[in-house]
Protein backbone atom coordinates (compact mmCIF):
# COMPACT_ATOMS: atom_id res chain seq x y z
CA UNK A 1 -26.66 -20.08 -2.09
CA UNK A 2 -24.89 -23.28 -1.09
CA UNK A 3 -21.47 -22.66 0.39
CA UNK A 4 -18.60 -25.04 -0.41
CA UNK A 5 -17.59 -27.41 2.36
CA UNK A 6 -14.74 -26.20 4.54
CA UNK A 7 -11.49 -28.15 4.43
CA UNK A 8 -11.08 -30.53 7.33
CA UNK A 9 -8.88 -29.33 10.19
CA UNK A 10 -5.51 -31.04 9.98
CA UNK A 11 -4.82 -33.46 12.84
CA UNK A 12 -2.12 -32.31 15.26
CA UNK A 13 -0.98 -34.99 17.75
CA UNK A 14 0.49 -32.31 20.03
CA UNK A 15 -3.07 -31.08 20.69
CA UNK A 16 -5.19 -34.24 20.67
CA UNK A 17 -8.53 -32.48 21.20
CA UNK A 18 -7.97 -29.99 18.36
CA UNK A 19 -11.05 -30.05 16.17
CA UNK A 20 -13.24 -31.22 19.06
CA UNK A 21 -13.09 -27.94 20.98
CA UNK A 22 -11.25 -24.63 20.83
CA UNK A 23 -7.73 -24.96 22.18
CA UNK A 24 -6.27 -22.41 24.59
CA UNK A 25 -2.67 -21.26 24.28
CA UNK A 26 -1.54 -19.45 27.43
CA UNK A 27 0.90 -16.57 26.97
CA UNK A 28 4.07 -16.56 29.07
CA UNK A 29 6.26 -13.56 28.31
CA UNK A 30 9.66 -13.80 30.00
CA UNK A 31 10.59 -10.29 28.89
CA UNK A 32 11.07 -6.97 30.67
CA UNK A 33 9.09 -4.98 28.10
CA UNK A 34 6.09 -6.90 26.72
CA UNK A 35 3.13 -4.57 26.29
CA UNK A 36 0.91 -6.25 28.87
CA UNK A 37 2.96 -8.25 31.37
CA UNK A 38 6.59 -7.26 30.85
CA UNK A 39 8.83 -8.05 33.80
CA UNK A 40 6.28 -10.12 35.70
CA UNK A 41 7.50 -13.61 34.78
CA UNK A 42 11.14 -13.24 33.73
CA UNK A 43 12.52 -15.60 36.39
CA UNK A 44 12.05 -19.37 36.55
CA UNK A 45 10.01 -19.59 39.75
CA UNK A 46 7.28 -17.02 38.95
CA UNK A 47 7.22 -18.20 35.33
CA UNK A 48 6.52 -21.79 36.36
CA UNK A 49 3.93 -20.73 38.92
CA UNK A 50 2.10 -18.71 36.27
CA UNK A 51 2.28 -21.52 33.73
CA UNK A 52 0.95 -23.95 36.33
CA UNK A 53 -1.92 -21.59 37.09
CA UNK A 54 -2.77 -21.26 33.40
CA UNK A 55 -2.84 -25.04 33.00
CA UNK A 56 -5.18 -25.32 35.98
CA UNK A 57 -7.44 -22.75 34.32
CA UNK A 58 -7.64 -24.68 31.04
CA UNK A 59 -4.54 -23.96 28.94
CA UNK A 60 -3.69 -26.71 26.44
CA UNK A 61 -0.25 -25.32 25.57
CA UNK A 62 2.02 -22.58 26.94
CA UNK A 63 3.69 -20.14 24.53
CA UNK A 64 6.99 -18.79 25.87
CA UNK A 65 8.41 -15.56 24.42
CA UNK A 66 11.75 -13.92 25.13
CA UNK A 67 11.38 -10.85 22.91
CA UNK A 68 8.56 -8.35 22.87
CA UNK A 69 6.94 -8.06 19.45
CA UNK A 70 4.79 -5.05 20.30
CA UNK A 71 5.04 -2.11 17.87
CA UNK A 72 8.12 -0.01 18.63
CA UNK A 73 9.79 -2.62 20.82
CA UNK A 74 13.57 -2.98 20.81
CA UNK A 75 14.89 -6.10 19.04
CA UNK A 76 16.73 -8.57 21.27
CA UNK A 77 19.98 -10.28 20.34
CA UNK A 78 19.63 -13.99 19.73
CA UNK A 79 22.00 -14.84 22.59
CA UNK A 80 19.96 -12.74 25.02
CA UNK A 81 16.70 -14.26 23.84
CA UNK A 82 18.09 -17.78 24.31
CA UNK A 83 19.35 -16.86 27.78
CA UNK A 84 15.84 -15.74 28.70
CA UNK A 85 13.81 -18.67 27.39
CA UNK A 86 15.95 -21.79 27.76
CA UNK A 87 16.15 -21.75 31.60
CA UNK A 88 12.38 -21.27 31.75
CA UNK A 89 11.77 -24.21 29.40
CA UNK A 90 14.16 -26.38 31.41
CA UNK A 91 12.36 -25.43 34.63
CA UNK A 92 9.02 -26.42 33.10
CA UNK A 93 10.39 -29.86 32.20
CA UNK A 94 12.04 -30.37 35.58
CA UNK A 95 8.75 -29.55 37.29
CA UNK A 96 6.86 -31.74 34.78
CA UNK A 97 4.38 -29.19 33.49
CA UNK A 98 1.68 -31.42 31.98
CA UNK A 99 1.15 -29.54 28.69
CA UNK A 100 3.47 -28.92 25.74
CA UNK A 101 5.52 -25.74 25.36
CA UNK A 102 5.73 -23.47 22.34
CA UNK A 103 8.57 -21.05 21.62
CA UNK A 104 7.50 -17.64 20.35
CA UNK A 105 10.39 -16.54 18.10
CA UNK A 106 11.29 -15.73 14.53
CA UNK A 107 14.98 -16.53 15.04
CA UNK A 108 16.27 -19.89 13.84
CA UNK A 109 18.95 -20.08 16.53
CA UNK A 110 16.50 -19.39 19.32
CA UNK A 111 14.09 -21.95 17.93
CA UNK A 112 16.83 -24.57 17.78
CA UNK A 113 17.94 -23.90 21.37
CA UNK A 114 14.37 -23.91 22.68
CA UNK A 115 13.42 -27.12 20.89
CA UNK A 116 16.63 -28.78 22.09
CA UNK A 117 15.68 -27.72 25.64
CA UNK A 118 12.24 -29.30 25.34
CA UNK A 119 9.84 -26.92 23.57
CA UNK A 120 7.66 -28.72 21.03
CA UNK A 121 6.22 -26.03 18.77
CA UNK A 122 7.51 -22.90 17.03
CA UNK A 123 5.33 -19.78 16.89
CA UNK A 124 6.83 -17.41 14.30
CA UNK A 125 5.35 -13.91 14.05
CA UNK A 126 7.08 -13.50 10.68
CA UNK A 127 5.63 -16.65 9.20
CA UNK A 128 8.99 -18.32 8.36
CA UNK A 129 9.88 -15.34 6.13
CA UNK A 130 12.20 -13.26 8.34
CA UNK A 131 14.65 -16.15 8.88
CA UNK A 132 13.66 -19.01 6.54
CA UNK A 133 16.18 -21.33 8.26
CA UNK A 134 13.67 -21.54 11.10
CA UNK A 135 11.56 -23.80 8.89
CA UNK A 136 14.45 -26.26 8.54
CA UNK A 137 14.97 -26.18 12.31
CA UNK A 138 11.31 -27.02 12.93
CA UNK A 139 11.46 -29.82 10.37
CA UNK A 140 14.63 -31.25 11.94
CA UNK A 141 12.90 -31.47 15.32
CA UNK A 142 9.55 -32.60 13.94
CA UNK A 143 7.97 -29.54 15.54
CA UNK A 144 4.67 -27.99 14.41
CA UNK A 145 4.80 -24.32 13.40
CA UNK A 146 2.46 -21.38 13.75
CA UNK A 147 2.78 -19.26 10.62
CA UNK A 148 1.59 -15.71 11.29
CA UNK A 149 0.79 -13.01 8.75
CA UNK A 150 2.74 -9.81 9.26
CA UNK A 151 3.66 -6.60 7.48
CA UNK A 152 6.58 -4.26 8.08
CA UNK A 153 4.32 -1.26 7.48
CA UNK A 154 0.60 -0.56 7.46
CA UNK A 155 -0.95 0.02 4.03
CA UNK A 156 -4.56 0.95 4.63
CA UNK A 157 -5.34 0.79 0.91
CA UNK A 158 -4.87 -2.94 0.39
CA UNK A 159 -7.27 -5.84 0.67
CA UNK A 160 -5.82 -7.33 3.85
CA UNK A 161 -7.27 -10.79 3.33
CA UNK A 162 -5.87 -11.00 -0.20
CA UNK A 163 -2.52 -9.96 1.29
CA UNK A 164 -2.81 -12.68 3.93
CA UNK A 165 -3.56 -15.31 1.31
CA UNK A 166 -0.54 -14.32 -0.78
CA UNK A 167 1.64 -14.27 2.34
CA UNK A 168 0.53 -17.72 3.45
CA UNK A 169 1.13 -19.14 -0.02
CA UNK A 170 4.76 -17.98 0.23
CA UNK A 171 5.15 -19.28 3.78
CA UNK A 172 3.61 -22.64 2.94
CA UNK A 173 6.04 -22.99 0.06
CA UNK A 174 8.94 -22.35 2.47
CA UNK A 175 7.51 -24.92 4.87
CA UNK A 176 7.07 -27.54 2.17
CA UNK A 177 10.60 -27.07 0.83
CA UNK A 178 11.99 -27.41 4.37
CA UNK A 179 10.12 -30.67 4.90
CA UNK A 180 7.45 -29.54 7.37
CA UNK A 181 4.42 -31.82 6.86
CA UNK A 182 1.04 -30.22 6.32
CA UNK A 183 -0.40 -31.59 9.55
CA UNK A 184 2.27 -29.64 11.46
CA UNK A 185 1.09 -26.23 10.23
CA UNK A 186 -1.18 -23.70 11.95
CA UNK A 187 -2.06 -20.32 10.45
CA UNK A 188 -2.44 -17.05 12.37
CA UNK A 189 -4.04 -13.96 10.72
CA UNK A 190 -1.72 -11.66 12.69
CA UNK A 191 -4.27 -9.38 14.31
CA UNK A 192 -2.48 -6.23 15.46
CA UNK A 193 0.57 -6.69 13.25
CA UNK A 194 1.00 -4.31 10.31
CA UNK A 195 -2.70 -3.56 10.04
CA UNK A 196 -4.94 -0.55 10.47
CA UNK A 197 -7.89 -0.70 12.84
CA UNK A 198 -10.24 -1.35 9.93
CA UNK A 199 -7.96 -4.07 8.56
CA UNK A 200 -7.86 -5.82 11.93
CA UNK A 201 -11.65 -5.88 11.98
CA UNK A 202 -11.77 -7.00 8.34
CA UNK A 203 -9.32 -9.83 9.03
CA UNK A 204 -11.39 -10.97 12.00
CA UNK A 205 -14.70 -10.75 10.12
CA UNK A 206 -13.30 -12.70 7.15
CA UNK A 207 -11.29 -15.20 9.17
CA UNK A 208 -13.16 -18.10 7.63
CA UNK A 209 -11.62 -17.37 4.23
CA UNK A 210 -8.33 -18.74 5.55
CA UNK A 211 -9.97 -22.16 5.89
CA UNK A 212 -9.23 -22.60 2.18
CA UNK A 213 -5.74 -23.78 3.15
CA UNK A 214 -7.04 -26.65 5.28
CA UNK A 215 -4.92 -25.81 8.32
CA UNK A 216 -6.04 -24.97 11.86
CA UNK A 217 -6.29 -21.26 12.63
CA UNK A 218 -4.81 -19.61 15.71
CA UNK A 219 -6.21 -16.24 16.78
CA UNK A 220 -4.35 -13.78 19.00
CA UNK A 221 -6.39 -10.71 19.98
CA UNK A 222 -5.67 -10.72 23.71
CA UNK A 223 -5.55 -7.19 25.19
CA UNK A 224 -4.45 -5.73 21.85
CA UNK A 225 -4.54 -2.08 20.91
CA UNK A 226 -7.42 -2.35 18.44
CA UNK A 227 -9.62 -3.32 21.39
CA UNK A 228 -8.35 -0.33 23.32
CA UNK A 229 -9.03 1.99 20.39
CA UNK A 230 -12.58 0.78 19.93
CA UNK A 231 -13.46 0.86 23.63
CA UNK A 232 -11.05 3.64 24.72
CA UNK A 233 -9.54 1.42 27.40
CA UNK A 234 -6.01 0.85 28.70
CA UNK A 235 -4.32 -2.53 28.30
CA UNK A 236 -5.29 -3.82 31.74
CA UNK A 237 -9.01 -3.21 31.10
CA UNK A 238 -9.41 -5.08 27.81
CA UNK A 239 -10.58 -8.48 29.03
CA UNK A 240 -14.22 -8.11 27.96
CA UNK A 241 -13.22 -6.79 24.57
CA UNK A 242 -10.83 -9.72 24.21
CA UNK A 243 -13.61 -12.18 25.04
CA UNK A 244 -15.93 -10.62 22.48
CA UNK A 245 -13.31 -10.69 19.74
CA UNK A 246 -12.39 -14.30 20.53
CA UNK A 247 -15.98 -15.49 20.51
CA UNK A 248 -16.44 -13.76 17.14
CA UNK A 249 -13.25 -15.45 15.98
CA UNK A 250 -14.38 -18.93 17.04
CA UNK A 251 -17.67 -18.50 15.23
CA UNK A 252 -15.72 -17.34 12.17
CA UNK A 253 -13.40 -20.34 12.17
CA UNK A 254 -10.65 -20.03 14.82
CA UNK A 255 -9.43 -23.30 16.34
CA UNK A 256 -6.90 -21.99 18.90
CA UNK A 257 -6.90 -18.84 21.04
CA UNK A 258 -3.66 -17.29 22.26
CA UNK A 259 -4.54 -15.45 25.48
CA UNK A 260 -3.31 -13.90 28.71
CA UNK A 261 -6.48 -14.55 30.73
CA UNK A 262 -6.96 -18.29 30.42
CA UNK A 263 -9.96 -19.05 32.64
CA UNK A 264 -12.22 -16.37 31.18
CA UNK A 265 -11.34 -17.27 27.60
CA UNK A 266 -11.66 -21.01 28.30
CA UNK A 267 -15.21 -20.50 29.55
CA UNK A 268 -16.16 -18.12 26.73
CA UNK A 269 -14.78 -20.61 24.21
CA UNK A 270 -16.89 -23.37 25.76
CA UNK A 271 -20.06 -21.39 25.08
CA UNK A 272 -18.96 -20.41 21.58
CA UNK A 273 -18.13 -24.04 20.80
CA UNK A 274 -21.56 -25.17 21.98
CA UNK A 275 -23.26 -22.58 19.77
CA UNK A 276 -21.02 -23.49 16.83
CA UNK A 277 -21.78 -27.21 17.18
CA UNK A 278 -25.50 -26.40 17.30
CA UNK A 279 -25.18 -24.47 14.04
CA UNK A 280 -23.30 -27.32 12.35
CA UNK A 281 -25.86 -29.92 13.45
CA UNK A 282 -28.89 -27.80 12.49
């Protein structure tokens, strides 16, 4: 059977090598309660040092978050979130970090403050649907957006990929109405958010079906609980499981990896890219 050609990856000037190799987004949580590294980088000096180290290890962009989105985490007031992230962003610019910054938030006010401070991308775990004004903020600043699939509750009985497709159709409509151009959109399947273990695996295995939209795909599996459940490992022992899931994701169609452990994932992605290119040229 001849498969239809995949849509071309949209160009994204912020990441000039996107489409040539897998991009690495380094995670910088400036929170006291993130599931993996809470409290480690919530001051400007250690945050910059860690960002600098991630860039040296191969990060193409740094994603800064001021509110934990792990299941069961306590929501943070917008003013508190802004107070956490803006000084960090300003420090990165003062120190001339050589890669762009992304703000990990679903709040329009936080996005506006972060973009005004110098962030250049918005990563929204609610896919522009929790606070639709965030789409207008991104459009006003000319900032690309990561639109993630999410669910308030797990429903193990649904076709998770069909649910993702319907979700992205709604989010893309919000983006279009706000004036966000298509080449500023990245999709994220939302591994670990509102999904059962089987649905996480299904979403990863069928990742390529999201190529129908013609946008780059970001994959975030780093240290997540589905890896721990499969391997029966705590959060600080999930590197190898993360690498395996990310290699599978690249071969299935991921263009960007959001990770804690940059060097290891950068190297794994290099091998996966080489294998993928070989398959395309064969």
